Amino acid sequence: MDFDACVACLTGKDAKDAYAFTQQIVAESRDSDAWYPCFDRFAELLRHKNSLVRNRAIAILAANARWDREGKFDALLDEFLSHVTDVKPITARQCVAALPDIAEAKPELASRIRAALEQADLSGYPDSMQPLVLKDIVAALRKMERQT
């Protein structure tokens, strides 16, 4: 697997191809740990300047949390949770939506995830977006509640 080519696709200008490739990686990651060896490289994409790339990284990392036996996600959690209040509200919503799956895959992280959701400061978002992000947070917390 040529990971540099994968990153080029995920960060390239063709959003349609990048989205399709992300969906492929996420789907494959539900059934196999084939993409887990690339976890650290995907984690680097959380810092990308383009919010669409960050969205892709969030989805891929969340799908691979189930395969993490080395504690990589544990070490990455604070950085991942920083996207609950990402500068782009769409990225924040993607992150919030992914958190219940991560909590299910890694129950030892659930309390930290719950705390980040409960303490999220949404004041930096436009008034039109705050209720949407808040609604996502409430839905994520409820989903996590049902998992326990």
N, C-alpha and C. Protein backbone atom coordinates (compact mmCIF):
# COMPACT_ATOMS: atom_id res chain seq x y z
N MET A 1 0.85 -1.18 0.00
CA MET A 1 0.00 0.00 0.00
C MET A 1 0.89 1.24 0.00
N ASP A 2 0.72 2.09 -0.97
CA ASP A 2 1.48 3.32 -1.09
C ASP A 2 0.73 4.42 -0.33
N PHE A 3 1.16 4.64 0.90
CA PHE A 3 0.41 5.57 1.73
C PHE A 3 0.50 7.01 1.23
N ASP A 4 1.62 7.36 0.60
CA ASP A 4 1.73 8.72 0.07
C ASP A 4 0.67 8.97 -0.99
N ALA A 5 0.37 7.96 -1.81
CA ALA A 5 -0.69 8.10 -2.81
C ALA A 5 -2.05 8.22 -2.13
N CYS A 6 -2.24 7.49 -1.04
CA CYS A 6 -3.49 7.59 -0.27
C CYS A 6 -3.68 9.00 0.27
N VAL A 7 -2.63 9.54 0.86
CA VAL A 7 -2.71 10.89 1.41
C VAL A 7 -2.95 11.89 0.29
N ALA A 8 -2.32 11.69 -0.85
CA ALA A 8 -2.52 12.60 -1.98
C ALA A 8 -3.99 12.59 -2.40
N CYS A 9 -4.61 11.42 -2.38
CA CYS A 9 -6.03 11.34 -2.74
C CYS A 9 -6.90 12.01 -1.68
N LEU A 10 -6.59 11.76 -0.42
CA LEU A 10 -7.39 12.32 0.67
C LEU A 10 -7.25 13.84 0.79
N THR A 11 -6.13 14.37 0.33
CA THR A 11 -5.88 15.81 0.46
C THR A 11 -5.96 16.53 -0.88
N GLY A 12 -6.27 15.81 -1.95
CA GLY A 12 -6.29 16.39 -3.28
C GLY A 12 -7.47 17.31 -3.51
N LYS A 13 -7.45 17.96 -4.66
CA LYS A 13 -8.48 18.94 -4.99
C LYS A 13 -9.78 18.30 -5.45
N ASP A 14 -9.75 17.03 -5.83
CA ASP A 14 -10.97 16.37 -6.30
C ASP A 14 -11.76 15.87 -5.09
N ALA A 15 -12.67 16.70 -4.62
CA ALA A 15 -13.42 16.40 -3.40
C ALA A 15 -14.27 15.14 -3.56
N LYS A 16 -14.80 14.92 -4.74
CA LYS A 16 -15.64 13.74 -4.98
C LYS A 16 -14.83 12.46 -4.83
N ASP A 17 -13.64 12.41 -5.43
CA ASP A 17 -12.78 11.24 -5.31
C ASP A 17 -12.32 11.05 -3.87
N ALA A 18 -11.95 12.15 -3.21
CA ALA A 18 -11.47 12.07 -1.83
C ALA A 18 -12.57 11.55 -0.91
N TYR A 19 -13.79 12.01 -1.13
CA TYR A 19 -14.93 11.55 -0.33
C TYR A 19 -15.16 10.06 -0.56
N ALA A 20 -15.15 9.65 -1.83
CA ALA A 20 -15.37 8.23 -2.16
C ALA A 20 -14.28 7.35 -1.54
N PHE A 21 -13.05 7.82 -1.60
CA PHE A 21 -11.94 7.05 -1.02
C PHE A 21 -12.08 6.97 0.50
N THR A 22 -12.49 8.07 1.11
CA THR A 22 -12.72 8.06 2.56
C THR A 22 -13.79 7.04 2.91
N GLN A 23 -14.88 7.05 2.17
CA GLN A 23 -15.97 6.09 2.43
C GLN A 23 -15.48 4.65 2.27
N GLN A 24 -14.63 4.43 1.28
CA GLN A 24 -14.07 3.09 1.07
C GLN A 24 -13.22 2.66 2.27
N ILE A 25 -12.35 3.55 2.74
CA ILE A 25 -11.50 3.24 3.88
C ILE A 25 -12.36 2.98 5.12
N VAL A 26 -13.36 3.81 5.35
CA VAL A 26 -14.24 3.63 6.51
C VAL A 26 -14.96 2.29 6.43
N ALA A 27 -15.49 1.96 5.28
CA ALA A 27 -16.21 0.68 5.10
C ALA A 27 -15.27 -0.50 5.33
N GLU A 28 -14.09 -0.44 4.77
CA GLU A 28 -13.12 -1.52 4.96
C GLU A 28 -12.69 -1.62 6.43
N SER A 29 -12.64 -0.49 7.09
CA SER A 29 -12.21 -0.46 8.50
C SER A 29 -13.26 -1.02 9.44
N ARG A 30 -14.49 -1.11 8.99
CA ARG A 30 -15.53 -1.74 9.82
C ARG A 30 -15.30 -3.24 9.93
N ASP A 31 -14.70 -3.82 8.88
CA ASP A 31 -14.55 -5.27 8.80
C ASP A 31 -13.13 -5.77 9.06
N SER A 32 -12.16 -4.90 8.99
CA SER A 32 -10.78 -5.36 9.05
C SER A 32 -9.88 -4.26 9.59
N ASP A 33 -8.74 -4.67 10.11
CA ASP A 33 -7.76 -3.70 10.61
C ASP A 33 -6.72 -3.34 9.55
N ALA A 34 -7.06 -3.55 8.28
CA ALA A 34 -6.11 -3.33 7.18
C ALA A 34 -5.55 -1.91 7.14
N TRP A 35 -6.34 -0.93 7.54
CA TRP A 35 -5.91 0.46 7.50
C TRP A 35 -5.29 0.92 8.82
N TYR A 36 -5.40 0.12 9.87
CA TYR A 36 -4.88 0.54 11.18
C TYR A 36 -3.38 0.84 11.17
N PRO A 37 -2.57 0.10 10.41
CA PRO A 37 -1.13 0.44 10.40
C PRO A 37 -0.85 1.88 9.95
N CYS A 38 -1.80 2.51 9.28
CA CYS A 38 -1.63 3.89 8.81
C CYS A 38 -2.20 4.91 9.80
N PHE A 39 -2.59 4.46 10.98
CA PHE A 39 -3.27 5.30 11.96
C PHE A 39 -2.52 6.61 12.21
N ASP A 40 -1.21 6.52 12.43
CA ASP A 40 -0.44 7.73 12.76
C ASP A 40 -0.46 8.74 11.61
N ARG A 41 -0.41 8.24 10.40
CA ARG A 41 -0.44 9.14 9.24
C ARG A 41 -1.82 9.78 9.11
N PHE A 42 -2.88 9.00 9.36
CA PHE A 42 -4.22 9.60 9.33
C PHE A 42 -4.35 10.65 10.43
N ALA A 43 -3.75 10.37 11.59
CA ALA A 43 -3.82 11.31 12.71
C ALA A 43 -3.21 12.66 12.34
N GLU A 44 -2.16 12.64 11.52
CA GLU A 44 -1.53 13.89 11.08
C GLU A 44 -2.52 14.77 10.31
N LEU A 45 -3.47 14.13 9.64
CA LEU A 45 -4.43 14.89 8.83
C LEU A 45 -5.43 15.67 9.69
N LEU A 46 -5.49 15.37 10.99
CA LEU A 46 -6.35 16.15 11.89
C LEU A 46 -5.88 17.60 11.97
N ARG A 47 -4.62 17.84 11.63
CA ARG A 47 -4.04 19.19 11.72
C ARG A 47 -4.06 19.92 10.38
N HIS A 48 -4.65 19.30 9.38
CA HIS A 48 -4.64 19.89 8.04
C HIS A 48 -5.42 21.20 8.03
N LYS A 49 -4.97 22.14 7.22
CA LYS A 49 -5.63 23.45 7.15
C LYS A 49 -7.01 23.36 6.52
N ASN A 50 -7.23 22.38 5.66
CA ASN A 50 -8.51 22.23 4.98
C ASN A 50 -9.47 21.42 5.86
N SER A 51 -10.62 22.00 6.16
CA SER A 51 -11.57 21.32 7.05
C SER A 51 -12.12 20.03 6.44
N LEU A 52 -12.22 19.96 5.12
CA LEU A 52 -12.70 18.72 4.50
C LEU A 52 -11.72 17.57 4.76
N VAL A 53 -10.43 17.88 4.74
CA VAL A 53 -9.43 16.86 5.04
C VAL A 53 -9.54 16.44 6.51
N ARG A 54 -9.76 17.41 7.38
CA ARG A 54 -9.95 17.07 8.81
C ARG A 54 -11.18 16.18 8.97
N ASN A 55 -12.26 16.48 8.25
CA ASN A 55 -13.46 15.64 8.31
C ASN A 55 -13.14 14.21 7.91
N ARG A 56 -12.39 14.06 6.84
CA ARG A 56 -12.01 12.72 6.38
C ARG A 56 -11.20 11.99 7.43
N ALA A 57 -10.25 12.70 8.03
CA ALA A 57 -9.41 12.08 9.06
C ALA A 57 -10.25 11.65 10.26
N ILE A 58 -11.20 12.48 10.65
CA ILE A 58 -12.08 12.14 11.78
C ILE A 58 -12.83 10.85 11.49
N ALA A 59 -13.41 10.73 10.31
CA ALA A 59 -14.18 9.53 9.97
C ALA A 59 -13.30 8.29 9.94
N ILE A 60 -12.13 8.41 9.35
CA ILE A 60 -11.22 7.26 9.23
C ILE A 60 -10.69 6.84 10.60
N LEU A 61 -10.28 7.80 11.39
CA LEU A 61 -9.76 7.47 12.73
C LEU A 61 -10.84 6.84 13.61
N ALA A 62 -12.04 7.38 13.54
CA ALA A 62 -13.14 6.81 14.33
C ALA A 62 -13.41 5.37 13.93
N ALA A 63 -13.37 5.09 12.63
CA ALA A 63 -13.61 3.73 12.15
C ALA A 63 -12.51 2.78 12.57
N ASN A 64 -11.33 3.29 12.80
CA ASN A 64 -10.20 2.44 13.19
C ASN A 64 -10.00 2.35 14.69
N ALA A 65 -10.78 3.07 15.47
CA ALA A 65 -10.63 3.01 16.93
C ALA A 65 -10.82 1.58 17.44
N ARG A 66 -11.70 0.83 16.81
CA ARG A 66 -11.99 -0.54 17.24
C ARG A 66 -10.78 -1.46 17.16
N TRP A 67 -9.81 -1.11 16.31
CA TRP A 67 -8.65 -1.97 16.11
C TRP A 67 -7.46 -1.54 16.96
N ASP A 68 -7.62 -0.49 17.72
CA ASP A 68 -6.50 0.08 18.48
C ASP A 68 -6.22 -0.72 19.74
N ARG A 69 -5.17 -1.50 19.70
CA ARG A 69 -4.73 -2.27 20.87
C ARG A 69 -3.44 -1.70 21.45
N GLU A 70 -2.93 -0.66 20.79
CA GLU A 70 -1.66 -0.07 21.19
C GLU A 70 -1.83 1.23 21.96
N GLY A 71 -3.08 1.68 22.15
CA GLY A 71 -3.32 2.91 22.87
C GLY A 71 -3.06 4.17 22.06
N LYS A 72 -2.99 4.03 20.74
CA LYS A 72 -2.74 5.21 19.91
C LYS A 72 -3.90 6.20 19.99
N PHE A 73 -5.12 5.67 19.98
CA PHE A 73 -6.27 6.58 20.05
C PHE A 73 -6.31 7.25 21.42
N ASP A 74 -5.95 6.53 22.46
CA ASP A 74 -5.93 7.11 23.80
C ASP A 74 -5.01 8.33 23.82
N ALA A 75 -3.84 8.18 23.21
CA ALA A 75 -2.87 9.28 23.19
C ALA A 75 -3.34 10.43 22.31
N LEU A 76 -4.14 10.13 21.30
CA LEU A 76 -4.63 11.13 20.36
C LEU A 76 -5.91 11.81 20.83
N LEU A 77 -6.54 11.27 21.86
CA LEU A 77 -7.89 11.70 22.22
C LEU A 77 -8.03 13.20 22.44
N ASP A 78 -7.14 13.82 23.16
CA ASP A 78 -7.28 15.26 23.42
C ASP A 78 -7.28 16.06 22.12
N GLU A 79 -6.38 15.71 21.20
CA GLU A 79 -6.35 16.40 19.92
C GLU A 79 -7.64 16.14 19.14
N PHE A 80 -8.10 14.90 19.15
CA PHE A 80 -9.34 14.55 18.46
C PHE A 80 -10.50 15.35 19.05
N LEU A 81 -10.57 15.39 20.38
CA LEU A 81 -11.66 16.11 21.05
C LEU A 81 -11.62 17.61 20.81
N SER A 82 -10.46 18.15 20.47
CA SER A 82 -10.38 19.59 20.19
C SER A 82 -11.26 19.95 18.99
N HIS A 83 -11.58 18.96 18.17
CA HIS A 83 -12.42 19.22 17.00
C HIS A 83 -13.91 19.27 17.35
N VAL A 84 -14.26 18.98 18.60
CA VAL A 84 -15.65 19.17 19.04
C VAL A 84 -16.01 20.65 18.88
N THR A 85 -15.03 21.51 19.00
CA THR A 85 -15.23 22.95 18.80
C THR A 85 -14.31 23.45 17.68
N ASP A 86 -14.15 22.67 16.64
CA ASP A 86 -13.33 23.05 15.48
C ASP A 86 -13.79 24.42 14.98
N VAL A 87 -12.89 25.14 14.38
CA VAL A 87 -13.22 26.46 13.85
C VAL A 87 -14.36 26.36 12.82
N LYS A 88 -14.47 25.24 12.14
CA LYS A 88 -15.55 25.03 11.17
C LYS A 88 -16.65 24.20 11.84
N PRO A 89 -17.84 24.73 11.97
CA PRO A 89 -18.91 23.99 12.66
C PRO A 89 -19.25 22.66 12.00
N ILE A 90 -19.08 22.54 10.70
CA ILE A 90 -19.37 21.27 10.03
C ILE A 90 -18.39 20.20 10.51
N THR A 91 -17.14 20.58 10.69
CA THR A 91 -16.13 19.64 11.20
C THR A 91 -16.46 19.29 12.64
N ALA A 92 -16.89 20.26 13.42
CA ALA A 92 -17.29 19.97 14.80
C ALA A 92 -18.43 18.95 14.81
N ARG A 93 -19.39 19.13 13.93
CA ARG A 93 -20.53 18.22 13.88
C ARG A 93 -20.08 16.81 13.47
N GLN A 94 -19.15 16.72 12.55
CA GLN A 94 -18.61 15.42 12.14
C GLN A 94 -17.92 14.74 13.33
N CYS A 95 -17.16 15.51 14.06
CA CYS A 95 -16.44 14.97 15.22
C CYS A 95 -17.43 14.48 16.27
N VAL A 96 -18.39 15.31 16.60
CA VAL A 96 -19.39 14.95 17.62
C VAL A 96 -20.12 13.67 17.22
N ALA A 97 -20.49 13.58 15.96
CA ALA A 97 -21.22 12.40 15.48
C ALA A 97 -20.39 11.13 15.58
N ALA A 98 -19.07 11.25 15.46
CA ALA A 98 -18.18 10.08 15.51
C ALA A 98 -17.91 9.60 16.94
N LEU A 99 -18.11 10.46 17.92
CA LEU A 99 -17.70 10.13 19.29
C LEU A 99 -18.43 8.94 19.92
N PRO A 100 -19.73 8.75 19.72
CA PRO A 100 -20.35 7.56 20.31
C PRO A 100 -19.75 6.25 19.81
N ASP A 101 -19.36 6.21 18.54
CA ASP A 101 -18.73 5.00 18.01
C ASP A 101 -17.37 4.76 18.66
N ILE A 102 -16.65 5.84 18.90
CA ILE A 102 -15.35 5.71 19.56
C ILE A 102 -15.54 5.24 20.99
N ALA A 103 -16.52 5.82 21.68
CA ALA A 103 -16.80 5.41 23.06
C ALA A 103 -17.20 3.95 23.13
N GLU A 104 -17.93 3.48 22.12
CA GLU A 104 -18.33 2.07 22.10
C GLU A 104 -17.12 1.17 21.86
N ALA A 105 -16.23 1.58 20.97
CA ALA A 105 -15.04 0.79 20.65
C ALA A 105 -14.01 0.83 21.78
N LYS A 106 -13.97 1.96 22.48
CA LYS A 106 -12.97 2.16 23.54
C LYS A 106 -13.68 2.70 24.78
N PRO A 107 -14.42 1.85 25.49
CA PRO A 107 -15.23 2.32 26.63
C PRO A 107 -14.41 3.01 27.72
N GLU A 108 -13.14 2.71 27.79
CA GLU A 108 -12.29 3.35 28.79
C GLU A 108 -12.12 4.84 28.52
N LEU A 109 -12.47 5.29 27.32
CA LEU A 109 -12.37 6.71 26.98
C LEU A 109 -13.70 7.45 27.11
N ALA A 110 -14.76 6.73 27.40
CA ALA A 110 -16.11 7.31 27.39
C ALA A 110 -16.25 8.49 28.35
N SER A 111 -15.69 8.41 29.53
CA SER A 111 -15.86 9.50 30.49
C SER A 111 -15.18 10.78 30.00
N ARG A 112 -14.02 10.65 29.36
CA ARG A 112 -13.33 11.83 28.82
C ARG A 112 -14.11 12.41 27.65
N ILE A 113 -14.67 11.54 26.84
CA ILE A 113 -15.48 11.99 25.70
C ILE A 113 -16.72 12.72 26.20
N ARG A 114 -17.39 12.12 27.18
CA ARG A 114 -18.60 12.72 27.74
C ARG A 114 -18.28 14.11 28.33
N ALA A 115 -17.17 14.20 29.06
CA ALA A 115 -16.79 15.49 29.66
C ALA A 115 -16.54 16.54 28.59
N ALA A 116 -15.88 16.16 27.51
CA ALA A 116 -15.60 17.13 26.45
C ALA A 116 -16.89 17.61 25.80
N LEU A 117 -17.83 16.72 25.62
CA LEU A 117 -19.11 17.11 25.04
C LEU A 117 -19.88 18.03 25.97
N GLU A 118 -19.89 17.69 27.25
CA GLU A 118 -20.64 18.49 28.22
C GLU A 118 -20.02 19.87 28.44
N GLN A 119 -18.73 20.00 28.23
CA GLN A 119 -18.04 21.27 28.49
C GLN A 119 -17.76 22.08 27.23
N ALA A 120 -18.25 21.62 26.09
CA ALA A 120 -17.96 22.30 24.83
C ALA A 120 -18.49 23.73 24.85
N ASP A 121 -17.64 24.66 24.49
CA ASP A 121 -18.01 26.07 24.42
C ASP A 121 -18.37 26.38 22.97
N LEU A 122 -19.63 26.57 22.71
CA LEU A 122 -20.11 26.81 21.36
C LEU A 122 -20.25 28.29 21.02
N SER A 123 -19.80 29.14 21.92
CA SER A 123 -20.00 30.58 21.74
C SER A 123 -19.25 31.14 20.53
N GLY A 124 -18.27 30.43 20.03
CA GLY A 124 -17.52 30.91 18.88
C GLY A 124 -18.24 30.71 17.55
N TYR A 125 -19.34 30.00 17.58
CA TYR A 125 -20.08 29.73 16.35
C TYR A 125 -21.16 30.77 16.13
N PRO A 126 -21.52 31.00 14.86
CA PRO A 126 -22.63 31.91 14.59
C PRO A 126 -23.91 31.40 15.27
N ASP A 127 -24.79 32.32 15.58
CA ASP A 127 -26.04 31.97 16.26
C ASP A 127 -26.83 30.91 15.49
N SER A 128 -26.71 30.91 14.18
CA SER A 128 -27.44 29.93 13.37
C SER A 128 -26.89 28.51 13.52
N MET A 129 -25.60 28.39 13.90
CA MET A 129 -24.98 27.07 14.00
C MET A 129 -24.98 26.51 15.42
N GLN A 130 -25.00 27.36 16.42
CA GLN A 130 -24.93 26.89 17.80
C GLN A 130 -26.01 25.85 18.12
N PRO A 131 -27.28 26.08 17.76
CA PRO A 131 -28.30 25.09 18.10
C PRO A 131 -28.09 23.75 17.39
N LEU A 132 -27.54 23.79 16.18
CA LEU A 132 -27.30 22.55 15.45
C LEU A 132 -26.20 21.72 16.11
N VAL A 133 -25.10 22.38 16.48
CA VAL A 133 -24.01 21.67 17.14
C VAL A 133 -24.48 21.16 18.51
N LEU A 134 -25.25 21.99 19.23
CA LEU A 134 -25.78 21.57 20.52
C LEU A 134 -26.69 20.35 20.37
N LYS A 135 -27.53 20.36 19.36
CA LYS A 135 -28.42 19.22 19.11
C LYS A 135 -27.60 17.95 18.85
N ASP A 136 -26.51 18.08 18.09
CA ASP A 136 -25.63 16.94 17.83
C ASP A 136 -24.99 16.42 19.12
N ILE A 137 -24.58 17.35 19.96
CA ILE A 137 -23.95 16.97 21.23
C ILE A 137 -24.95 16.20 22.10
N VAL A 138 -26.16 16.71 22.20
CA VAL A 138 -27.20 16.04 23.00
C VAL A 138 -27.46 14.64 22.43
N ALA A 139 -27.56 14.53 21.11
CA ALA A 139 -27.80 13.23 20.48
C ALA A 139 -26.64 12.27 20.75
N ALA A 140 -25.42 12.76 20.69
CA ALA A 140 -24.25 11.92 20.95
C ALA A 140 -24.24 11.44 22.41
N LEU A 141 -24.55 12.34 23.33
CA LEU A 141 -24.59 11.95 24.75
C LEU A 141 -25.68 10.91 25.00
N ARG A 142 -26.83 11.09 24.38
CA ARG A 142 -27.92 10.10 24.54
C ARG A 142 -27.51 8.74 23.97
N LYS A 143 -26.88 8.76 22.83
CA LYS A 143 -26.43 7.50 22.22
C LYS A 143 -25.41 6.80 23.12
N MET A 144 -24.51 7.58 23.70
CA MET A 144 -23.53 7.01 24.61
C MET A 144 -24.20 6.45 25.86
N GLU A 145 -25.22 7.13 26.34
CA GLU A 145 -25.98 6.65 27.51
C GLU A 145 -26.58 5.28 27.23
N ARG A 146 -27.15 5.12 26.05
CA ARG A 146 -27.77 3.84 25.68
C ARG A 146 -26.75 2.72 25.54
N GLN A 147 -25.50 3.08 25.28
CA GLN A 147 -24.45 2.06 25.10
C GLN A 147 -24.02 1.45 26.43
N THR A 148 -24.21 2.20 27.50
CA THR A 148 -23.71 1.70 28.80
C THR A 148 -24.72 0.82 29.49
